[in-house]
Amino acid sequence: MNVLIFIAVMLIIYSIVAAIVNKATKKTGKHIFNSIWLLIVPIVFIAVASFLTIIPAQECGVVITPGGVKQQTYYTGWHVILPWYRVETMDKTEQVYTCAKRTDVSHSSADYKSYKADATQAETVWTPTIDGIKMGFDISASWRIDPEYAWWIYDNVSETDGKENGRFYWLEENVIKPKLKSALALTTSKYTPIQVYSTSREDIQAIVLERMKNDIQSYHLILDQIDIREVYYNSDYETALNQKKLEEQKALTLVEVTKQKEELKRQAEIEKEIQILNAEGEAEALQIKGASVSSNPKIVQLEWIQKWDGKLPEIMTGDGNGLLLNIDK
């Protein structure tokens, strides 16, 4: 369209210059006829250009008529629109709203004030778990408008907040942000802190995604993805958790020591029982032996004979220089 207007303007300038030259040189007839055509052609160009509107890539168009917003979306390309209608474009690409912890600015700096005013960088979201323990989330929501209903968004969402892209700012502050916090709080309330921190992140993302999709559907917004980027413990809870882990470790150590002592006790009792059984066996054996000797004295002689090695005893008297008696068999 801009090209057509440029050509038309150039032709008008050329036709005016030609008309002045013809008048100055007093040329008539065919030259005048040509000048008239040079004037008509650009007028036609301008008229045609006024009916044509181009919608850039990555955007969609909304037409405002004297009677209000037209309930139709115009997509990328050339479109014939009445020149007394106004065409507004809206970004149809993905937007990312992020709630995240910032450590690069101080709360008293101008940078921090600027950061607080940025809707796409809200602070960490803190929500309670099933135990009532609050945990912090750095989380992002990837969303976009439904191009088919761009006209509805333009007609129903305010842009009176002074922002350059006010409707998107309003949607993030009044739809995406509260719905994200609500869905996250409802979801994490079903999980323990350990599950939230480690084992159930993907489940939480999926549930928050589905809940938000339903919540923002009435605003004709499309939610593509939820990303939990980081999870934080409350500092007091982290201290208590570490203390609890230490106590659990101590308890486990005591349990292990107790088990070892019980095992030593059991072994001692087993050894004691063995010794008692051995003593009882020996006593019983001596009792049986004594009864046998009493009833039959020759048993002693028999045992002596069984233990004799076949050698006669040697007897030495005095200081070793006396008589040595060796009795042969």
Protein backbone atom coordinates (compact mmCIF):
# COMPACT_ATOMS: atom_id res chain seq x y z
CA MET A 1 0.00 0.00 0.00
CA ASN A 2 2.81 2.41 0.85
CA VAL A 3 4.35 1.64 -2.55
CA LEU A 4 1.11 2.52 -4.34
CA ILE A 5 0.81 5.78 -2.48
CA PHE A 6 4.43 6.64 -3.23
CA ILE A 7 3.91 5.98 -6.95
CA ALA A 8 0.71 8.01 -6.90
CA VAL A 9 2.40 10.98 -5.23
CA MET A 10 5.28 10.86 -7.70
CA LEU A 11 2.82 10.82 -10.65
CA ILE A 12 0.91 13.77 -9.21
CA ILE A 13 4.12 15.74 -8.80
CA TYR A 14 5.14 14.80 -12.34
CA SER A 15 1.72 15.80 -13.76
CA ILE A 16 1.81 19.17 -11.96
CA VAL A 17 5.33 19.85 -13.23
CA ALA A 18 4.27 18.80 -16.76
CA ALA A 19 1.23 21.08 -16.67
CA ILE A 20 3.37 24.03 -15.58
CA VAL A 21 5.89 23.34 -18.32
CA ASN A 22 3.15 23.03 -20.96
CA LYS A 23 1.60 26.30 -19.87
CA ALA A 24 4.92 28.05 -19.88
CA THR A 25 5.75 26.79 -23.37
CA LYS A 26 2.16 27.32 -24.52
CA LYS A 27 1.89 23.71 -25.69
CA THR A 28 -1.61 22.43 -26.23
CA GLY A 29 -3.41 19.43 -27.61
CA LYS A 30 -1.73 16.09 -27.04
CA HIS A 31 0.58 17.36 -24.29
CA ILE A 32 -2.33 18.70 -22.29
CA PHE A 33 -4.16 15.38 -22.73
CA ASN A 34 -1.13 13.51 -21.43
CA SER A 35 -0.92 15.79 -18.41
CA ILE A 36 -4.56 15.10 -17.56
CA TRP A 37 -3.94 11.35 -17.65
CA LEU A 38 -0.86 11.75 -15.52
CA LEU A 39 -3.13 13.42 -12.96
CA ILE A 40 -5.93 10.87 -13.19
CA VAL A 41 -3.69 7.80 -12.81
CA PRO A 42 -2.27 8.76 -9.40
CA ILE A 43 -5.72 9.65 -8.18
CA VAL A 44 -6.82 6.13 -9.13
CA PHE A 45 -3.76 4.71 -7.39
CA ILE A 46 -4.59 6.61 -4.22
CA ALA A 47 -8.21 5.50 -4.35
CA VAL A 48 -7.22 1.85 -4.73
CA ALA A 49 -4.60 2.14 -2.00
CA SER A 50 -7.16 3.58 0.39
CA PHE A 51 -9.15 0.33 0.14
CA LEU A 52 -6.16 -1.94 0.75
CA THR A 53 -4.82 -2.85 4.20
CA ILE A 54 -1.90 -5.16 4.95
CA ILE A 55 -1.69 -7.18 8.17
CA PRO A 56 1.97 -7.85 9.10
CA ALA A 57 3.32 -11.29 10.00
CA GLN A 58 2.88 -12.39 13.62
CA GLU A 59 -0.11 -10.09 13.98
CA CYS A 60 -3.83 -10.18 13.35
CA GLY A 61 -6.19 -7.32 12.50
CA VAL A 62 -9.32 -5.96 14.11
CA VAL A 63 -11.61 -3.62 12.13
CA ILE A 64 -13.42 -0.77 13.89
CA THR A 65 -16.46 0.47 12.00
CA PRO A 66 -18.68 3.44 12.79
CA GLY A 67 -21.03 0.94 14.44
CA GLY A 68 -18.38 -0.70 16.63
CA VAL A 69 -15.85 -3.50 16.47
CA LYS A 70 -16.43 -5.90 13.61
CA GLN A 71 -16.76 -9.50 14.85
CA GLN A 72 -14.13 -10.84 12.51
CA THR A 73 -10.37 -11.34 12.65
CA TYR A 74 -8.15 -10.46 9.68
CA TYR A 75 -4.96 -12.49 9.36
CA THR A 76 -1.55 -11.77 7.79
CA GLY A 77 -1.77 -10.50 4.18
CA TRP A 78 -3.64 -7.97 2.02
CA HIS A 79 -7.28 -7.16 2.73
CA VAL A 80 -9.84 -4.86 1.10
CA ILE A 81 -11.20 -2.61 3.86
CA LEU A 82 -13.40 0.44 3.43
CA PRO A 83 -11.26 3.52 3.86
CA TRP A 84 -13.50 5.01 6.56
CA TYR A 85 -12.92 1.89 8.74
CA ARG A 86 -9.97 1.78 11.13
CA VAL A 87 -7.75 -1.30 11.38
CA GLU A 88 -5.94 -2.16 14.65
CA THR A 89 -3.36 -4.95 14.85
CA MET A 90 -2.76 -7.31 17.80
CA ASP A 91 0.21 -9.53 18.52
CA LYS A 92 -0.73 -13.21 18.16
CA THR A 93 2.66 -14.64 19.19
CA GLU A 94 3.47 -16.36 22.48
CA GLN A 95 3.87 -14.24 25.61
CA VAL A 96 5.76 -15.42 28.72
CA TYR A 97 4.69 -14.28 32.17
CA THR A 98 7.29 -15.07 34.85
CA CYS A 99 7.19 -15.02 38.63
CA ALA A 100 10.78 -15.24 39.82
CA LYS A 101 13.13 -14.36 42.63
CA ARG A 102 15.39 -11.40 41.85
CA THR A 103 18.77 -11.07 43.54
CA ASP A 104 20.44 -8.55 41.25
CA VAL A 105 18.66 -5.45 42.61
CA SER A 106 18.11 -4.06 46.09
CA HIS A 107 14.73 -3.10 47.51
CA SER A 108 15.81 0.52 47.79
CA SER A 109 17.21 0.99 44.29
CA ALA A 110 15.58 2.57 41.27
CA ASP A 111 16.19 -0.69 39.40
CA TYR A 112 14.03 -2.53 41.89
CA LYS A 113 11.21 -0.01 41.49
CA SER A 114 11.45 -0.45 37.74
CA TYR A 115 11.43 -4.21 38.19
CA LYS A 116 8.33 -4.05 40.41
CA ALA A 117 6.53 -2.10 37.68
CA ASP A 118 7.28 -4.80 35.11
CA ALA A 119 4.32 -7.18 34.89
CA THR A 120 6.36 -9.88 33.21
CA GLN A 121 8.66 -10.21 36.22
CA ALA A 122 6.57 -10.69 39.37
CA GLU A 123 8.17 -12.01 42.52
CA THR A 124 8.38 -15.64 43.65
CA VAL A 125 5.00 -17.20 44.43
CA TRP A 126 4.68 -18.68 47.95
CA THR A 127 1.97 -21.31 48.48
CA PRO A 128 1.22 -23.79 51.32
CA THR A 129 1.69 -27.56 51.07
CA ILE A 130 -0.48 -30.25 52.64
CA ASP A 131 1.48 -29.79 55.90
CA GLY A 132 0.77 -26.06 55.94
CA ILE A 133 4.42 -25.30 55.11
CA LYS A 134 4.79 -22.48 52.56
CA MET A 135 7.17 -23.04 49.66
CA GLY A 136 8.36 -20.56 47.03
CA PHE A 137 8.09 -21.12 43.27
CA ASP A 138 9.86 -19.47 40.35
CA ILE A 139 7.29 -20.25 37.67
CA SER A 140 6.52 -19.18 34.09
CA ALA A 141 3.31 -19.31 32.06
CA SER A 142 3.52 -19.26 28.25
CA TRP A 143 0.29 -17.88 26.78
CA ARG A 144 -1.15 -16.15 23.70
CA ILE A 145 -4.41 -14.72 22.51
CA ASP A 146 -6.80 -16.84 20.47
CA PRO A 147 -6.54 -15.09 17.07
CA GLU A 148 -10.09 -16.06 16.16
CA TYR A 149 -11.34 -13.92 19.07
CA ALA A 150 -8.88 -11.02 18.78
CA TRP A 151 -11.85 -8.75 18.07
CA TRP A 152 -13.51 -9.81 21.37
CA ILE A 153 -10.34 -9.08 23.36
CA TYR A 154 -9.98 -5.68 21.70
CA ASP A 155 -13.62 -4.88 22.43
CA ASN A 156 -13.72 -6.13 26.05
CA VAL A 157 -10.25 -5.59 27.54
CA SER A 158 -9.26 -2.15 28.75
CA GLU A 159 -6.22 -0.26 27.47
CA THR A 160 -6.52 2.79 29.73
CA ASP A 161 -3.52 2.02 31.98
CA GLY A 162 -0.99 4.12 30.10
CA LYS A 163 1.05 1.15 28.88
CA GLU A 164 2.27 0.86 25.30
CA ASN A 165 0.64 -2.55 24.99
CA GLY A 166 -2.04 -1.98 27.58
CA ARG A 167 -4.39 -4.86 26.80
CA PHE A 168 -1.66 -7.47 27.21
CA TYR A 169 -0.50 -5.80 30.42
CA TRP A 170 -4.07 -5.86 31.74
CA LEU A 171 -4.48 -9.52 30.81
CA GLU A 172 -1.25 -10.49 32.60
CA GLU A 173 -2.04 -8.51 35.75
CA ASN A 174 -5.74 -9.37 36.01
CA VAL A 175 -6.00 -12.82 34.42
CA ILE A 176 -2.68 -14.68 34.06
CA LYS A 177 -1.15 -13.67 37.38
CA PRO A 178 -4.12 -14.38 39.71
CA LYS A 179 -5.12 -17.56 37.88
CA LEU A 180 -1.53 -18.84 38.04
CA LYS A 181 -1.30 -18.20 41.78
CA SER A 182 -4.69 -19.76 42.44
CA ALA A 183 -4.01 -22.90 40.39
CA LEU A 184 -0.59 -23.33 41.99
CA ALA A 185 -1.96 -22.94 45.53
CA LEU A 186 -4.78 -25.44 44.93
CA THR A 187 -2.34 -27.95 43.47
CA THR A 188 0.49 -27.76 46.01
CA SER A 189 -1.99 -28.10 48.89
CA LYS A 190 -2.24 -31.80 47.97
CA TYR A 191 1.49 -32.52 48.23
CA THR A 192 4.10 -32.71 50.97
CA PRO A 193 7.13 -30.37 50.91
CA ILE A 194 9.44 -33.22 49.87
CA GLN A 195 7.14 -34.16 46.97
CA VAL A 196 6.91 -30.54 45.84
CA TYR A 197 10.68 -30.09 46.00
CA SER A 198 11.69 -33.29 44.24
CA THR A 199 9.44 -36.13 43.08
CA SER A 200 6.23 -34.39 41.94
CA ARG A 201 7.30 -31.27 40.02
CA GLU A 202 6.18 -32.59 36.64
CA ASP A 203 2.81 -33.67 38.08
CA ILE A 204 2.29 -30.21 39.60
CA GLN A 205 3.15 -28.53 36.28
CA ALA A 206 0.65 -30.68 34.40
CA ILE A 207 -2.16 -30.06 36.91
CA VAL A 208 -1.56 -26.29 37.03
CA LEU A 209 -1.56 -26.23 33.21
CA GLU A 210 -4.97 -27.93 32.98
CA ARG A 211 -6.50 -25.78 35.73
CA MET A 212 -5.30 -22.55 34.15
CA LYS A 213 -6.48 -23.59 30.69
CA ASN A 214 -10.01 -23.88 32.03
CA ASP A 215 -9.76 -20.66 34.06
CA ILE A 216 -8.61 -18.39 31.21
CA GLN A 217 -10.75 -19.93 28.50
CA SER A 218 -13.53 -17.35 29.03
CA TYR A 219 -11.03 -14.61 28.11
CA HIS A 220 -10.20 -16.40 24.84
CA LEU A 221 -6.59 -16.96 25.85
CA ILE A 222 -4.51 -20.05 25.03
CA LEU A 223 -2.08 -21.48 27.56
CA ASP A 224 0.75 -23.47 25.99
CA GLN A 225 3.09 -24.34 28.85
CA ILE A 226 3.81 -24.07 32.58
CA ASP A 227 7.42 -24.26 33.76
CA ILE A 228 8.48 -24.58 37.40
CA ARG A 229 12.00 -23.17 37.26
CA GLU A 230 12.96 -23.36 40.94
CA VAL A 231 11.48 -24.29 44.33
CA TYR A 232 12.48 -22.71 47.64
CA TYR A 233 12.04 -23.73 51.27
CA ASN A 234 11.02 -21.20 53.87
CA SER A 235 14.21 -20.42 55.85
CA ASP A 236 12.63 -21.40 59.19
CA TYR A 237 11.35 -24.64 57.72
CA GLU A 238 14.74 -25.41 56.19
CA THR A 239 16.35 -25.00 59.62
CA ALA A 240 13.71 -27.22 61.22
CA LEU A 241 14.11 -29.77 58.42
CA ASN A 242 17.86 -29.94 58.92
CA GLN A 243 17.36 -30.35 62.68
CA LYS A 244 14.83 -33.09 62.05
CA LYS A 245 17.29 -34.89 59.77
CA LEU A 246 19.95 -34.73 62.48
CA GLU A 247 17.53 -36.11 65.05
CA GLU A 248 16.49 -38.88 62.68
CA GLN A 249 20.14 -39.74 62.11
CA LYS A 250 20.75 -39.87 65.85
CA ALA A 251 17.68 -42.07 66.29
CA LEU A 252 18.90 -44.40 63.55
CA THR A 253 22.30 -44.58 65.24
CA LEU A 254 20.71 -45.44 68.60
CA VAL A 255 18.57 -48.09 66.95
CA GLU A 256 21.65 -49.63 65.36
CA VAL A 257 23.54 -49.59 68.69
CA THR A 258 20.55 -51.17 70.42
CA LYS A 259 20.40 -53.88 67.80
CA GLN A 260 24.09 -54.63 68.31
CA LYS A 261 23.66 -54.80 72.08
CA GLU A 262 20.66 -57.09 71.73
CA GLU A 263 22.71 -59.33 69.46
CA LEU A 264 25.57 -59.46 72.00
CA LYS A 265 23.08 -60.24 74.74
CA ARG A 266 21.56 -63.02 72.69
CA GLN A 267 24.99 -64.48 71.97
CA ALA A 268 25.89 -64.32 75.68
CA GLU A 269 22.68 -66.10 76.61
CA ILE A 270 23.38 -68.79 74.04
CA GLU A 271 26.92 -69.29 75.41
CA LYS A 272 25.57 -69.38 78.95
CA GLU A 273 23.05 -72.04 77.99
CA ILE A 274 25.82 -74.05 76.32
CA GLN A 275 27.99 -73.87 79.45
CA ILE A 276 25.06 -74.88 81.65
CA LEU A 277 24.29 -77.80 79.40
CA ASN A 278 27.96 -78.83 79.40
CA ALA A 279 28.16 -78.60 83.20
CA GLU A 280 24.93 -80.50 83.58
CA GLY A 281 26.27 -83.14 81.23
CA GLU A 282 29.54 -83.44 83.11
CA ALA A 283 27.76 -83.62 86.48
CA GLU A 284 25.44 -86.25 85.19
CA ALA A 285 28.41 -88.19 83.78
CA LEU A 286 30.25 -88.02 87.12
CA GLN A 287 27.14 -89.11 88.95
CA ILE A 288 26.75 -92.09 86.66
CA LYS A 289 30.48 -92.89 87.02
CA GLY A 290 30.36 -92.67 90.81
CA ALA A 291 27.39 -94.95 90.95
CA SER A 292 29.17 -97.45 88.75
CA VAL A 293 32.34 -97.41 90.94
CA SER A 294 30.30 -97.88 94.07
CA SER A 295 28.50 -100.88 92.69
CA ASN A 296 31.64 -102.43 91.13
CA PRO A 297 35.08 -101.45 92.69
CA LYS A 298 37.02 -103.37 90.07
CA ILE A 299 36.17 -100.67 87.57
CA VAL A 300 38.96 -98.54 89.07
CA GLN A 301 41.47 -101.28 88.50
CA LEU A 302 40.20 -101.68 84.95
CA GLU A 303 40.64 -97.98 84.24
CA TRP A 304 44.18 -98.08 85.71
CA ILE A 305 45.09 -100.99 83.49
CA GLN A 306 43.64 -99.16 80.42
CA LYS A 307 45.72 -96.07 81.18
CA TRP A 308 49.03 -98.01 81.98
CA ASP A 309 51.68 -97.56 79.27
CA GLY A 310 53.38 -100.93 80.00
CA LYS A 311 56.40 -99.47 81.88
CA LEU A 312 57.24 -100.29 85.51
CA PRO A 313 57.74 -97.34 87.80
CA GLU A 314 61.30 -96.22 88.66
CA ILE A 315 61.97 -95.38 92.31
CA MET A 316 64.84 -93.19 93.40
CA THR A 317 65.59 -92.49 97.07
CA GLY A 318 67.69 -89.88 98.80
CA ASP A 319 69.34 -87.07 96.88
CA GLY A 320 69.66 -88.99 93.67
CA ASN A 321 72.69 -91.20 94.72
CA GLY A 322 70.60 -93.87 96.37
CA LEU A 323 69.08 -97.07 95.23
CA LEU A 324 67.37 -97.14 91.85
CA LEU A 325 64.76 -99.83 91.66
CA ASN A 326 63.53 -101.01 88.33
CA ILE A 327 61.27 -103.98 88.46
CA ASP A 328 60.89 -105.83 85.17
CA LYS A 329 57.76 -107.60 84.31
